[in-house]
Amino acid sequence: MDLPQHQETAPVAVLLSVYNGAAFLNDLLTSLKQQTHTNWVLLWRDDGSTDASIDYMHQFALDVGTQRCRQITSSPAHMGVVLSYATLLKDVPEGYFIAFCDQDDVWFPDKLERGLKALTVTQKPALYCSRQRLTDTRLRPISISPQLPPHPCFQMALTQNIATGCTIMLSPAAVSLLQSSFPPPNHILHDWWAYLVVTGADGTIITDNQPTLFYRQHDNNAVGAPALFTQRALAALRRGPWQFMSIFRGNLAYLAQQTYLSADNRHFVAALRTVLSQSGLIGRWHRWQMLQRSSKLRRYTWPEQIIFRLWFLLG
């Protein structure tokens, strides 16, 4: 299938993993039908729901047609959120853009249109993400998610994820990259995986500081969204250096095995792994030197950056 040349006709696969989402699904599905960009197909799978979620999805398929709402049933009942989205990704046709979708959000009508407008200006692997309007369960506004950095890169992606899954759209070239890097590491979510893969291949990250959806906050969120960077910094302090550095090392080990990394990024991953393998005062001195040489190995705000440097030196 060839990729259409114009944004207006570009095909988008919307990926939705459903798990006991009956309380919120109708709001989401209604917002999909209201998209100004209409050339989309919803690929969804149920991850073992025990409520009426599947009934809602089957009714939606009747409303929009089975060609626009396709259930993926080629995998076990319960896989967890990461493998669920990775499985959906494998069924995306060649040449399609994709948009990750959460069952409890409400999309703004121009969400797909805005993402496509940003992504279609480049032929490189590209990831688009935006801020969100945070709400309570009744969609009453709480706040807006944190500001996004203007030019994220691979070294920044190693330190934290700034791409919230429900806002992410990927170009066809980026989709192919993710499909070839299956399975994802099991210690991070699908959004960070996508962010690492695209930046690792020297792709383009496009951040949009205008919200594209209502991000509902409730007790059953797979991942919440702290509205303030200070909250995130305090959460990092509570976790301590060992948990963070375990994930950091795991990501490096995963990336070291990937063939799509650019030469510079492959060299940087190898250098980091070497430095982190060294112990004692010599090891900490080499880590400090690495931080001094690598200005882009940083988090976006200074409180988070201070904590990252501390954890990198100690963990």
C-alpha atoms as a PDB file:
ATOM      1  CA  MET A   1       0.000   0.000   0.000  1.00  0.00           C
ATOM      2  CA  ASP A   2       1.478   3.349  -1.047  1.00  0.00           C
ATOM      3  CA  LEU A   3       1.316   6.334   1.261  1.00  0.00           C
ATOM      4  CA  PRO A   4      -0.982   9.066  -0.077  1.00  0.00           C
ATOM      5  CA  GLN A   5       0.873  12.278  -0.877  1.00  0.00           C
ATOM      6  CA  HIS A   6      -1.544  14.691   0.784  1.00  0.00           C
ATOM      7  CA  GLN A   7      -2.265  15.130   4.456  1.00  0.00           C
ATOM      8  CA  GLU A   8      -6.025  15.139   3.827  1.00  0.00           C
ATOM      9  CA  THR A   9      -5.950  11.562   2.525  1.00  0.00           C
ATOM     10  CA  ALA A  10      -3.216  10.131   4.748  1.00  0.00           C
ATOM     11  CA  PRO A  11      -4.424   6.900   6.410  1.00  0.00           C
ATOM     12  CA  VAL A  12      -4.180   6.665  10.197  1.00  0.00           C
ATOM     13  CA  ALA A  13      -4.446   3.510  12.308  1.00  0.00           C
ATOM     14  CA  VAL A  14      -5.732   4.361  15.788  1.00  0.00           C
ATOM     15  CA  LEU A  15      -4.499   1.743  18.292  1.00  0.00           C
ATOM     16  CA  LEU A  16      -6.658   1.040  21.336  1.00  0.00           C
ATOM     17  CA  SER A  17      -6.036  -1.507  24.087  1.00  0.00           C
ATOM     18  CA  VAL A  18      -9.243  -2.075  26.073  1.00  0.00           C
ATOM     19  CA  TYR A  19      -9.335  -3.279  29.676  1.00  0.00           C
ATOM     20  CA  ASN A  20     -12.446  -2.789  31.818  1.00  0.00           C
ATOM     21  CA  GLY A  21     -13.069   0.607  30.286  1.00  0.00           C
ATOM     22  CA  ALA A  22     -16.855   0.523  29.978  1.00  0.00           C
ATOM     23  CA  ALA A  23     -17.330   3.566  32.237  1.00  0.00           C
ATOM     24  CA  PHE A  24     -15.485   5.846  29.797  1.00  0.00           C
ATOM     25  CA  LEU A  25     -15.426   4.201  26.376  1.00  0.00           C
ATOM     26  CA  ASN A  26     -18.471   5.952  24.940  1.00  0.00           C
ATOM     27  CA  ASP A  27     -16.918   9.396  25.469  1.00  0.00           C
ATOM     28  CA  LEU A  28     -13.737   8.342  23.711  1.00  0.00           C
ATOM     29  CA  LEU A  29     -15.488   6.641  20.794  1.00  0.00           C
ATOM     30  CA  THR A  30     -17.749   9.637  20.254  1.00  0.00           C
ATOM     31  CA  SER A  31     -14.680  11.874  20.043  1.00  0.00           C
ATOM     32  CA  LEU A  32     -13.176   9.566  17.402  1.00  0.00           C
ATOM     33  CA  LYS A  33     -16.272   9.946  15.247  1.00  0.00           C
ATOM     34  CA  GLN A  34     -15.937  13.740  15.523  1.00  0.00           C
ATOM     35  CA  GLN A  35     -12.399  13.913  14.097  1.00  0.00           C
ATOM     36  CA  THR A  36     -11.925  16.456  11.316  1.00  0.00           C
ATOM     37  CA  HIS A  37      -9.513  14.018   9.661  1.00  0.00           C
ATOM     38  CA  THR A  38     -11.744  11.145   8.639  1.00  0.00           C
ATOM     39  CA  ASN A  39      -9.388   8.653   6.979  1.00  0.00           C
ATOM     40  CA  TRP A  40      -8.774   6.484  10.039  1.00  0.00           C
ATOM     41  CA  VAL A  41      -9.295   2.879  11.088  1.00  0.00           C
ATOM     42  CA  LEU A  42      -9.514   1.768  14.722  1.00  0.00           C
ATOM     43  CA  LEU A  43      -7.469  -1.348  15.552  1.00  0.00           C
ATOM     44  CA  TRP A  44      -8.366  -2.622  19.008  1.00  0.00           C
ATOM     45  CA  ARG A  45      -7.906  -5.616  21.214  1.00  0.00           C
ATOM     46  CA  ASP A  46      -9.408  -6.575  24.554  1.00  0.00           C
ATOM     47  CA  ASP A  47      -6.859  -7.346  27.271  1.00  0.00           C
ATOM     48  CA  GLY A  48      -9.127  -9.512  29.394  1.00  0.00           C
ATOM     49  CA  SER A  49     -12.021  -7.235  30.362  1.00  0.00           C
ATOM     50  CA  THR A  50     -14.689  -8.501  32.735  1.00  0.00           C
ATOM     51  CA  ASP A  51     -17.119  -5.602  32.235  1.00  0.00           C
ATOM     52  CA  ALA A  52     -19.155  -4.531  29.203  1.00  0.00           C
ATOM     53  CA  SER A  53     -16.186  -3.099  27.278  1.00  0.00           C
ATOM     54  CA  ILE A  54     -16.389  -5.617  24.433  1.00  0.00           C
ATOM     55  CA  ASP A  55     -20.105  -4.931  23.993  1.00  0.00           C
ATOM     56  CA  TYR A  56     -19.401  -1.210  23.630  1.00  0.00           C
ATOM     57  CA  MET A  57     -16.699  -1.910  21.060  1.00  0.00           C
ATOM     58  CA  HIS A  58     -18.910  -4.222  19.021  1.00  0.00           C
ATOM     59  CA  GLN A  59     -21.662  -1.599  19.026  1.00  0.00           C
ATOM     60  CA  PHE A  60     -19.151   0.988  17.805  1.00  0.00           C
ATOM     61  CA  ALA A  61     -18.178  -1.342  14.955  1.00  0.00           C
ATOM     62  CA  LEU A  62     -21.827  -1.513  13.950  1.00  0.00           C
ATOM     63  CA  ASP A  63     -22.030   2.288  14.037  1.00  0.00           C
ATOM     64  CA  VAL A  64     -18.948   3.032  11.904  1.00  0.00           C
ATOM     65  CA  GLY A  65     -18.602  -0.209   9.957  1.00  0.00           C
ATOM     66  CA  THR A  66     -16.354  -3.201  10.509  1.00  0.00           C
ATOM     67  CA  GLN A  67     -13.812  -1.851   8.001  1.00  0.00           C
ATOM     68  CA  ARG A  68     -13.225   1.154  10.289  1.00  0.00           C
ATOM     69  CA  CYS A  69     -13.244  -0.768  13.576  1.00  0.00           C
ATOM     70  CA  ARG A  70     -11.244  -3.996  13.505  1.00  0.00           C
ATOM     71  CA  GLN A  71     -10.776  -6.255  16.497  1.00  0.00           C
ATOM     72  CA  ILE A  72      -7.361  -7.939  16.768  1.00  0.00           C
ATOM     73  CA  THR A  73      -7.733 -11.384  18.332  1.00  0.00           C
ATOM     74  CA  SER A  74      -4.415 -13.029  17.457  1.00  0.00           C
ATOM     75  CA  SER A  75      -2.951 -12.932  20.985  1.00  0.00           C
ATOM     76  CA  PRO A  76      -3.667 -14.253  24.513  1.00  0.00           C
ATOM     77  CA  ALA A  77      -6.398 -12.633  26.592  1.00  0.00           C
ATOM     78  CA  HIS A  78      -4.231 -10.651  29.034  1.00  0.00           C
ATOM     79  CA  MET A  79      -0.810  -9.329  28.054  1.00  0.00           C
ATOM     80  CA  GLY A  80      -0.493  -6.024  29.904  1.00  0.00           C
ATOM     81  CA  VAL A  81      -0.457  -2.569  28.375  1.00  0.00           C
ATOM     82  CA  VAL A  82       3.000  -2.653  26.738  1.00  0.00           C
ATOM     83  CA  LEU A  83       2.646  -5.945  24.881  1.00  0.00           C
ATOM     84  CA  SER A  84      -0.961  -5.151  24.064  1.00  0.00           C
ATOM     85  CA  TYR A  85       0.009  -2.008  22.144  1.00  0.00           C
ATOM     86  CA  ALA A  86       3.040  -3.715  20.605  1.00  0.00           C
ATOM     87  CA  THR A  87       0.739  -6.486  19.340  1.00  0.00           C
ATOM     88  CA  LEU A  88      -1.636  -3.954  17.806  1.00  0.00           C
ATOM     89  CA  LEU A  89       1.336  -2.267  16.154  1.00  0.00           C
ATOM     90  CA  LYS A  90       2.216  -5.475  14.314  1.00  0.00           C
ATOM     91  CA  ASP A  91      -1.154  -5.348  12.518  1.00  0.00           C
ATOM     92  CA  VAL A  92      -0.733  -1.805  11.146  1.00  0.00           C
ATOM     93  CA  PRO A  93      -0.670  -1.869   7.321  1.00  0.00           C
ATOM     94  CA  GLU A  94       2.372  -0.558   5.493  1.00  0.00           C
ATOM     95  CA  GLY A  95       2.233   3.160   4.773  1.00  0.00           C
ATOM     96  CA  TYR A  96      -0.089   4.065   7.655  1.00  0.00           C
ATOM     97  CA  PHE A  97       0.460   6.719  10.294  1.00  0.00           C
ATOM     98  CA  ILE A  98      -0.566   5.601  13.777  1.00  0.00           C
ATOM     99  CA  ALA A  99      -2.054   7.236  16.866  1.00  0.00           C
ATOM    100  CA  PHE A 100      -1.964   5.578  20.291  1.00  0.00           C
ATOM    101  CA  CYS A 101      -5.291   5.858  22.073  1.00  0.00           C
ATOM    102  CA  ASP A 102      -6.348   5.430  25.731  1.00  0.00           C
ATOM    103  CA  GLN A 103      -9.812   4.189  26.587  1.00  0.00           C
ATOM    104  CA  ASP A 104     -10.622   6.899  29.137  1.00  0.00           C
ATOM    105  CA  ASP A 105      -9.631  10.067  27.244  1.00  0.00           C
ATOM    106  CA  VAL A 106     -11.611  12.445  25.048  1.00  0.00           C
ATOM    107  CA  TRP A 107      -9.933  13.696  21.891  1.00  0.00           C
ATOM    108  CA  PHE A 108     -10.281  17.238  20.589  1.00  0.00           C
ATOM    109  CA  PRO A 109     -11.835  17.185  17.080  1.00  0.00           C
ATOM    110  CA  ASP A 110      -8.629  18.317  15.341  1.00  0.00           C
ATOM    111  CA  LYS A 111      -6.266  15.909  17.145  1.00  0.00           C
ATOM    112  CA  LEU A 112      -5.486  13.716  14.129  1.00  0.00           C
ATOM    113  CA  GLU A 113      -5.424  16.683  11.769  1.00  0.00           C
ATOM    114  CA  ARG A 114      -2.859  18.548  13.867  1.00  0.00           C
ATOM    115  CA  GLY A 115      -0.619  15.520  14.278  1.00  0.00           C
ATOM    116  CA  LEU A 116      -0.652  14.779  10.568  1.00  0.00           C
ATOM    117  CA  LYS A 117       0.099  18.386   9.683  1.00  0.00           C
ATOM    118  CA  ALA A 118       3.230  18.188  11.838  1.00  0.00           C
ATOM    119  CA  LEU A 119       4.346  14.738  10.652  1.00  0.00           C
ATOM    120  CA  THR A 120       3.870  15.136   6.898  1.00  0.00           C
ATOM    121  CA  VAL A 121       6.581  17.798   6.574  1.00  0.00           C
ATOM    122  CA  THR A 122       9.360  15.185   6.877  1.00  0.00           C
ATOM    123  CA  GLN A 123      10.219  11.825   5.336  1.00  0.00           C
ATOM    124  CA  LYS A 124      12.369  10.860   8.339  1.00  0.00           C
ATOM    125  CA  PRO A 125      11.000   8.627  11.100  1.00  0.00           C
ATOM    126  CA  ALA A 126       9.002  11.087  13.179  1.00  0.00           C
ATOM    127  CA  LEU A 127       7.065  11.134  16.445  1.00  0.00           C
ATOM    128  CA  TYR A 128       4.539  13.815  17.364  1.00  0.00           C
ATOM    129  CA  CYS A 129       3.299  14.379  20.917  1.00  0.00           C
ATOM    130  CA  SER A 130       1.399  17.103  22.738  1.00  0.00           C
ATOM    131  CA  ARG A 131       0.325  18.384  26.119  1.00  0.00           C
ATOM    132  CA  GLN A 132      -2.998  17.376  27.669  1.00  0.00           C
ATOM    133  CA  ARG A 133      -5.824  19.016  29.574  1.00  0.00           C
ATOM    134  CA  LEU A 134      -5.975  17.082  32.836  1.00  0.00           C
ATOM    135  CA  THR A 135      -9.495  16.475  34.174  1.00  0.00           C
ATOM    136  CA  ASP A 136     -11.292  14.526  36.853  1.00  0.00           C
ATOM    137  CA  THR A 137     -13.540  11.560  36.040  1.00  0.00           C
ATOM    138  CA  ARG A 138     -16.379  13.903  35.010  1.00  0.00           C
ATOM    139  CA  LEU A 139     -14.101  15.831  32.634  1.00  0.00           C
ATOM    140  CA  ARG A 140     -13.940  18.843  34.936  1.00  0.00           C
ATOM    141  CA  PRO A 141     -10.629  20.662  34.315  1.00  0.00           C
ATOM    142  CA  ILE A 142      -7.818  20.235  36.835  1.00  0.00           C
ATOM    143  CA  SER A 143      -4.782  21.694  35.071  1.00  0.00           C
ATOM    144  CA  ILE A 144      -2.596  21.346  31.994  1.00  0.00           C
ATOM    145  CA  SER A 145       0.278  18.893  31.697  1.00  0.00           C
ATOM    146  CA  PRO A 146       3.875  20.209  31.854  1.00  0.00           C
ATOM    147  CA  GLN A 147       5.478  22.232  29.084  1.00  0.00           C
ATOM    148  CA  LEU A 148       7.297  20.135  26.482  1.00  0.00           C
ATOM    149  CA  PRO A 149      10.892  20.835  25.353  1.00  0.00           C
ATOM    150  CA  PRO A 150      11.323  22.225  21.826  1.00  0.00           C
ATOM    151  CA  HIS A 151      14.005  19.891  20.411  1.00  0.00           C
ATOM    152  CA  PRO A 152      14.171  16.531  22.231  1.00  0.00           C
ATOM    153  CA  CYS A 153      17.022  14.208  21.245  1.00  0.00           C
ATOM    154  CA  PHE A 154      18.286  10.699  21.981  1.00  0.00           C
ATOM    155  CA  GLN A 155      20.408  11.654  24.980  1.00  0.00           C
ATOM    156  CA  MET A 156      17.419  13.429  26.551  1.00  0.00           C
ATOM    157  CA  ALA A 157      15.235  10.404  25.809  1.00  0.00           C
ATOM    158  CA  LEU A 158      17.593   8.210  27.844  1.00  0.00           C
ATOM    159  CA  THR A 159      16.946  10.259  30.996  1.00  0.00           C
ATOM    160  CA  GLN A 160      13.135  10.571  30.920  1.00  0.00           C
ATOM    161  CA  ASN A 161      10.065  10.163  28.764  1.00  0.00           C
ATOM    162  CA  ILE A 162       8.357  13.385  27.677  1.00  0.00           C
ATOM    163  CA  ALA A 163       5.997  11.757  25.123  1.00  0.00           C
ATOM    164  CA  THR A 164       2.691  10.807  26.750  1.00  0.00           C
ATOM    165  CA  GLY A 165       1.300   7.763  24.958  1.00  0.00           C
ATOM    166  CA  CYS A 166      -2.236   8.978  24.362  1.00  0.00           C
ATOM    167  CA  THR A 167      -0.912  12.037  22.472  1.00  0.00           C
ATOM    168  CA  ILE A 168       1.638  10.211  20.302  1.00  0.00           C
ATOM    169  CA  MET A 169       1.343   9.921  16.544  1.00  0.00           C
ATOM    170  CA  LEU A 170       4.006   8.239  14.412  1.00  0.00           C
ATOM    171  CA  SER A 171       4.940   8.545  10.757  1.00  0.00           C
ATOM    172  CA  PRO A 172       4.999   5.394   8.567  1.00  0.00           C
ATOM    173  CA  ALA A 173       8.811   5.297   8.738  1.00  0.00           C
ATOM    174  CA  ALA A 174       8.651   5.408  12.544  1.00  0.00           C
ATOM    175  CA  VAL A 175       5.983   2.687  12.567  1.00  0.00           C
ATOM    176  CA  SER A 176       8.310   0.439  10.561  1.00  0.00           C
ATOM    177  CA  LEU A 177      11.100   1.073  13.054  1.00  0.00           C
ATOM    178  CA  LEU A 178       8.942   0.042  15.994  1.00  0.00           C
ATOM    179  CA  GLN A 179       7.671  -3.028  14.192  1.00  0.00           C
ATOM    180  CA  SER A 180      11.260  -4.120  13.546  1.00  0.00           C
ATOM    181  CA  SER A 181      12.258  -3.553  17.189  1.00  0.00           C
ATOM    182  CA  PHE A 182       9.600  -5.905  18.601  1.00  0.00           C
ATOM    183  CA  PRO A 183       9.392  -6.992  21.389  1.00  0.00           C
ATOM    184  CA  PRO A 184       9.787  -3.838  23.474  1.00  0.00           C
ATOM    185  CA  PRO A 185      11.653  -3.903  26.788  1.00  0.00           C
ATOM    186  CA  ASN A 186       9.319  -5.065  29.542  1.00  0.00           C
ATOM    187  CA  HIS A 187      10.432  -2.460  32.097  1.00  0.00           C
ATOM    188  CA  ILE A 188       9.093   0.643  30.307  1.00  0.00           C
ATOM    189  CA  LEU A 189       5.811   1.613  28.676  1.00  0.00           C
ATOM    190  CA  HIS A 190       5.098   1.740  24.948  1.00  0.00           C
ATOM    191  CA  ASP A 191       5.384   5.534  24.756  1.00  0.00           C
ATOM    192  CA  TRP A 192       8.936   5.680  26.118  1.00  0.00           C
ATOM    193  CA  TRP A 193       9.814   2.746  23.857  1.00  0.00           C
ATOM    194  CA  ALA A 194       8.605   4.710  20.824  1.00  0.00           C
ATOM    195  CA  TYR A 195      10.477   7.827  21.947  1.00  0.00           C
ATOM    196  CA  LEU A 196      13.750   5.906  22.409  1.00  0.00           C
ATOM    197  CA  VAL A 197      13.448   4.077  19.091  1.00  0.00           C
ATOM    198  CA  VAL A 198      12.733   7.179  16.998  1.00  0.00           C
ATOM    199  CA  THR A 199      15.436   9.317  18.612  1.00  0.00           C
ATOM    200  CA  GLY A 200      17.894   6.407  18.542  1.00  0.00           C
ATOM    201  CA  ALA A 201      17.548   6.251  14.760  1.00  0.00           C
ATOM    202  CA  ASP A 202      18.089  10.042  14.543  1.00  0.00           C
ATOM    203  CA  GLY A 203      14.435  10.575  13.746  1.00  0.00           C
ATOM    204  CA  THR A 204      12.464  13.738  14.425  1.00  0.00           C
ATOM    205  CA  ILE A 205      10.488  14.509  17.584  1.00  0.00           C
ATOM    206  CA  ILE A 206       7.785  17.163  17.204  1.00  0.00           C
ATOM    207  CA  THR A 207       6.377  18.572  20.438  1.00  0.00           C
ATOM    208  CA  ASP A 208       3.115  20.514  20.495  1.00  0.00           C
ATOM    209  CA  ASN A 209       2.508  22.683  23.549  1.00  0.00           C
ATOM    210  CA  GLN A 210      -1.174  23.061  22.737  1.00  0.00           C
ATOM    211  CA  PRO A 211      -3.280  20.249  24.280  1.00  0.00           C
ATOM    212  CA  THR A 212      -5.004  17.794  21.951  1.00  0.00           C
ATOM    213  CA  LEU A 213      -7.220  15.895  24.411  1.00  0.00           C
ATOM    214  CA  PHE A 214      -8.826  15.679  27.822  1.00  0.00           C
ATOM    215  CA  TYR A 215      -6.688  13.335  29.929  1.00  0.00           C
ATOM    216  CA  ARG A 216      -8.966  11.890  32.568  1.00  0.00           C
ATOM    217  CA  GLN A 217      -7.352  11.262  35.988  1.00  0.00           C
ATOM    218  CA  HIS A 218      -8.807   8.499  38.130  1.00  0.00           C
ATOM    219  CA  ASP A 219      -7.795   5.631  40.392  1.00  0.00           C
ATOM    220  CA  ASN A 220      -7.541   3.127  37.521  1.00  0.00           C
ATOM    221  CA  ASN A 221      -5.189   5.088  35.240  1.00  0.00           C
ATOM    222  CA  ALA A 222      -2.424   2.860  33.867  1.00  0.00           C
ATOM    223  CA  VAL A 223      -0.166   5.886  34.437  1.00  0.00           C
ATOM    224  CA  GLY A 224      -1.159   9.173  36.014  1.00  0.00           C
ATOM    225  CA  ALA A 225       0.065  12.596  34.934  1.00  0.00           C
ATOM    226  CA  PRO A 226       1.482  14.800  37.695  1.00  0.00           C
ATOM    227  CA  ALA A 227       0.745  18.359  36.656  1.00  0.00           C
ATOM    228  CA  LEU A 228       3.875  19.910  38.137  1.00  0.00           C
ATOM    229  CA  PHE A 229       7.534  19.144  37.564  1.00  0.00           C
ATOM    230  CA  THR A 230       8.111  19.550  41.315  1.00  0.00           C
ATOM    231  CA  GLN A 231       5.733  16.641  41.928  1.00  0.00           C
ATOM    232  CA  ARG A 232       7.692  14.525  39.479  1.00  0.00           C
ATOM    233  CA  ALA A 233      10.976  15.504  41.118  1.00  0.00           C
ATOM    234  CA  LEU A 234       9.653  14.567  44.569  1.00  0.00           C
ATOM    235  CA  ALA A 235       8.394  11.247  43.202  1.00  0.00           C
ATOM    236  CA  ALA A 236      11.872  10.556  41.805  1.00  0.00           C
ATOM    237  CA  LEU A 237      13.420  11.327  45.201  1.00  0.00           C
ATOM    238  CA  ARG A 238      11.072   8.878  46.901  1.00  0.00           C
ATOM    239  CA  ARG A 239      11.973   6.128  44.417  1.00  0.00           C
ATOM    240  CA  GLY A 240      15.692   6.594  44.999  1.00  0.00           C
ATOM    241  CA  PRO A 241      18.640   6.026  42.653  1.00  0.00           C
ATOM    242  CA  TRP A 242      18.579   2.239  42.406  1.00  0.00           C
ATOM    243  CA  GLN A 243      15.157   1.874  40.812  1.00  0.00           C
ATOM    244  CA  PHE A 244      15.855   4.609  38.274  1.00  0.00           C
ATOM    245  CA  MET A 245      19.325   3.319  37.398  1.00  0.00           C
ATOM    246  CA  SER A 246      17.998  -0.211  37.016  1.00  0.00           C
ATOM    247  CA  ILE A 247      15.620   1.065  34.320  1.00  0.00           C
ATOM    248  CA  PHE A 248      18.367   3.243  32.820  1.00  0.00           C
ATOM    249  CA  ARG A 249      20.747   0.278  32.543  1.00  0.00           C
ATOM    250  CA  GLY A 250      17.976  -1.930  31.176  1.00  0.00           C
ATOM    251  CA  ASN A 251      17.235   0.575  28.427  1.00  0.00           C
ATOM    252  CA  LEU A 252      20.919   0.752  27.496  1.00  0.00           C
ATOM    253  CA  ALA A 253      21.185  -3.047  27.340  1.00  0.00           C
ATOM    254  CA  TYR A 254      18.118  -3.186  25.090  1.00  0.00           C
ATOM    255  CA  LEU A 255      19.348  -0.392  22.810  1.00  0.00           C
ATOM    256  CA  ALA A 256      22.813  -1.919  22.480  1.00  0.00           C
ATOM    257  CA  GLN A 257      21.208  -4.858  20.640  1.00  0.00           C
ATOM    258  CA  GLN A 258      19.255  -2.748  18.135  1.00  0.00           C
ATOM    259  CA  THR A 259      20.483  -2.379  14.557  1.00  0.00           C
ATOM    260  CA  TYR A 260      18.628   0.853  13.805  1.00  0.00           C
ATOM    261  CA  LEU A 261      20.743   3.047  16.113  1.00  0.00           C
ATOM    262  CA  SER A 262      22.791   5.682  14.320  1.00  0.00           C
ATOM    263  CA  ALA A 263      26.568   5.303  14.581  1.00  0.00           C
ATOM    264  CA  ASP A 264      26.878   8.240  16.989  1.00  0.00           C
ATOM    265  CA  ASN A 265      24.104   6.945  19.228  1.00  0.00           C
ATOM    266  CA  ARG A 266      25.517   3.424  19.202  1.00  0.00           C
ATOM    267  CA  HIS A 267      28.891   4.832  20.285  1.00  0.00           C
ATOM    268  CA  PHE A 268      27.248   6.872  23.049  1.00  0.00           C
ATOM    269  CA  VAL A 269      25.346   3.856  24.408  1.00  0.00           C
ATOM    270  CA  ALA A 270      28.576   1.825  24.485  1.00  0.00           C
ATOM    271  CA  ALA A 271      30.400   4.635  26.286  1.00  0.00           C
ATOM    272  CA  LEU A 272      27.645   4.934  28.894  1.00  0.00           C
ATOM    273  CA  ARG A 273      27.632   1.199  29.545  1.00  0.00           C
ATOM    274  CA  THR A 274      31.400   1.232  29.999  1.00  0.00           C
ATOM    275  CA  VAL A 275      31.270   4.114  32.474  1.00  0.00           C
ATOM    276  CA  LEU A 276      28.422   2.535  34.430  1.00  0.00           C
ATOM    277  CA  SER A 277      30.298  -0.758  34.704  1.00  0.00           C
ATOM    278  CA  GLN A 278      33.048   0.928  36.702  1.00  0.00           C
ATOM    279  CA  SER A 279      32.746   0.988  40.488  1.00  0.00           C
ATOM    280  CA  GLY A 280      34.228   2.943  43.366  1.00  0.00           C
ATOM    281  CA  LEU A 281      35.613   6.456  43.311  1.00  0.00           C
ATOM    282  CA  ILE A 282      37.175   5.981  39.860  1.00  0.00           C
ATOM    283  CA  GLY A 283      33.818   4.970  38.472  1.00  0.00           C
ATOM    284  CA  ARG A 284      32.078   8.003  39.978  1.00  0.00           C
ATOM    285  CA  TRP A 285      34.808  10.282  38.637  1.00  0.00           C
ATOM    286  CA  HIS A 286      34.330   8.884  35.123  1.00  0.00           C
ATOM    287  CA  ARG A 287      30.571   9.319  35.441  1.00  0.00           C
ATOM    288  CA  TRP A 288      31.075  12.930  36.450  1.00  0.00           C
ATOM    289  CA  GLN A 289      33.320  13.470  33.428  1.00  0.00           C
ATOM    290  CA  MET A 290      30.662  11.909  31.196  1.00  0.00           C
ATOM    291  CA  LEU A 291      28.077  14.346  32.545  1.00  0.00           C
ATOM    292  CA  GLN A 292      30.422  17.262  31.902  1.00  0.00           C
ATOM    293  CA  ARG A 293      31.058  16.174  28.308  1.00  0.00           C
ATOM    294  CA  SER A 294      27.429  15.302  27.490  1.00  0.00           C
ATOM    295  CA  SER A 295      25.369  18.461  27.855  1.00  0.00           C
ATOM    296  CA  LYS A 296      22.325  16.842  26.205  1.00  0.00           C
ATOM    297  CA  LEU A 297      22.238  13.965  28.698  1.00  0.00           C
ATOM    298  CA  ARG A 298      19.786  15.874  30.813  1.00  0.00           C
ATOM    299  CA  ARG A 299      16.226  16.245  31.985  1.00  0.00           C
ATOM    300  CA  TYR A 300      14.113  19.197  30.946  1.00  0.00           C
ATOM    301  CA  THR A 301      13.843  21.184  34.193  1.00  0.00           C
ATOM    302  CA  TRP A 302      16.634  22.021  36.605  1.00  0.00           C
ATOM    303  CA  PRO A 303      15.092  20.272  39.686  1.00  0.00           C
ATOM    304  CA  GLU A 304      14.760  17.052  37.711  1.00  0.00           C
ATOM    305  CA  GLN A 305      18.214  17.526  36.223  1.00  0.00           C
ATOM    306  CA  ILE A 306      19.796  17.834  39.674  1.00  0.00           C
ATOM    307  CA  ILE A 307      18.118  14.607  40.756  1.00  0.00           C
ATOM    308  CA  PHE A 308      19.146  12.825  37.546  1.00  0.00           C
ATOM    309  CA  ARG A 309      22.794  13.814  38.037  1.00  0.00           C
ATOM    310  CA  LEU A 310      22.703  12.622  41.634  1.00  0.00           C
ATOM    311  CA  TRP A 311      21.154   9.291  40.694  1.00  0.00           C
ATOM    312  CA  PHE A 312      23.585   8.835  37.782  1.00  0.00           C
ATOM    313  CA  LEU A 313      26.549   9.339  40.087  1.00  0.00           C
ATOM    314  CA  LEU A 314      25.251   7.189  42.956  1.00  0.00           C
ATOM    315  CA  GLY A 315      23.104   4.479  41.402  1.00  0.00           C
END
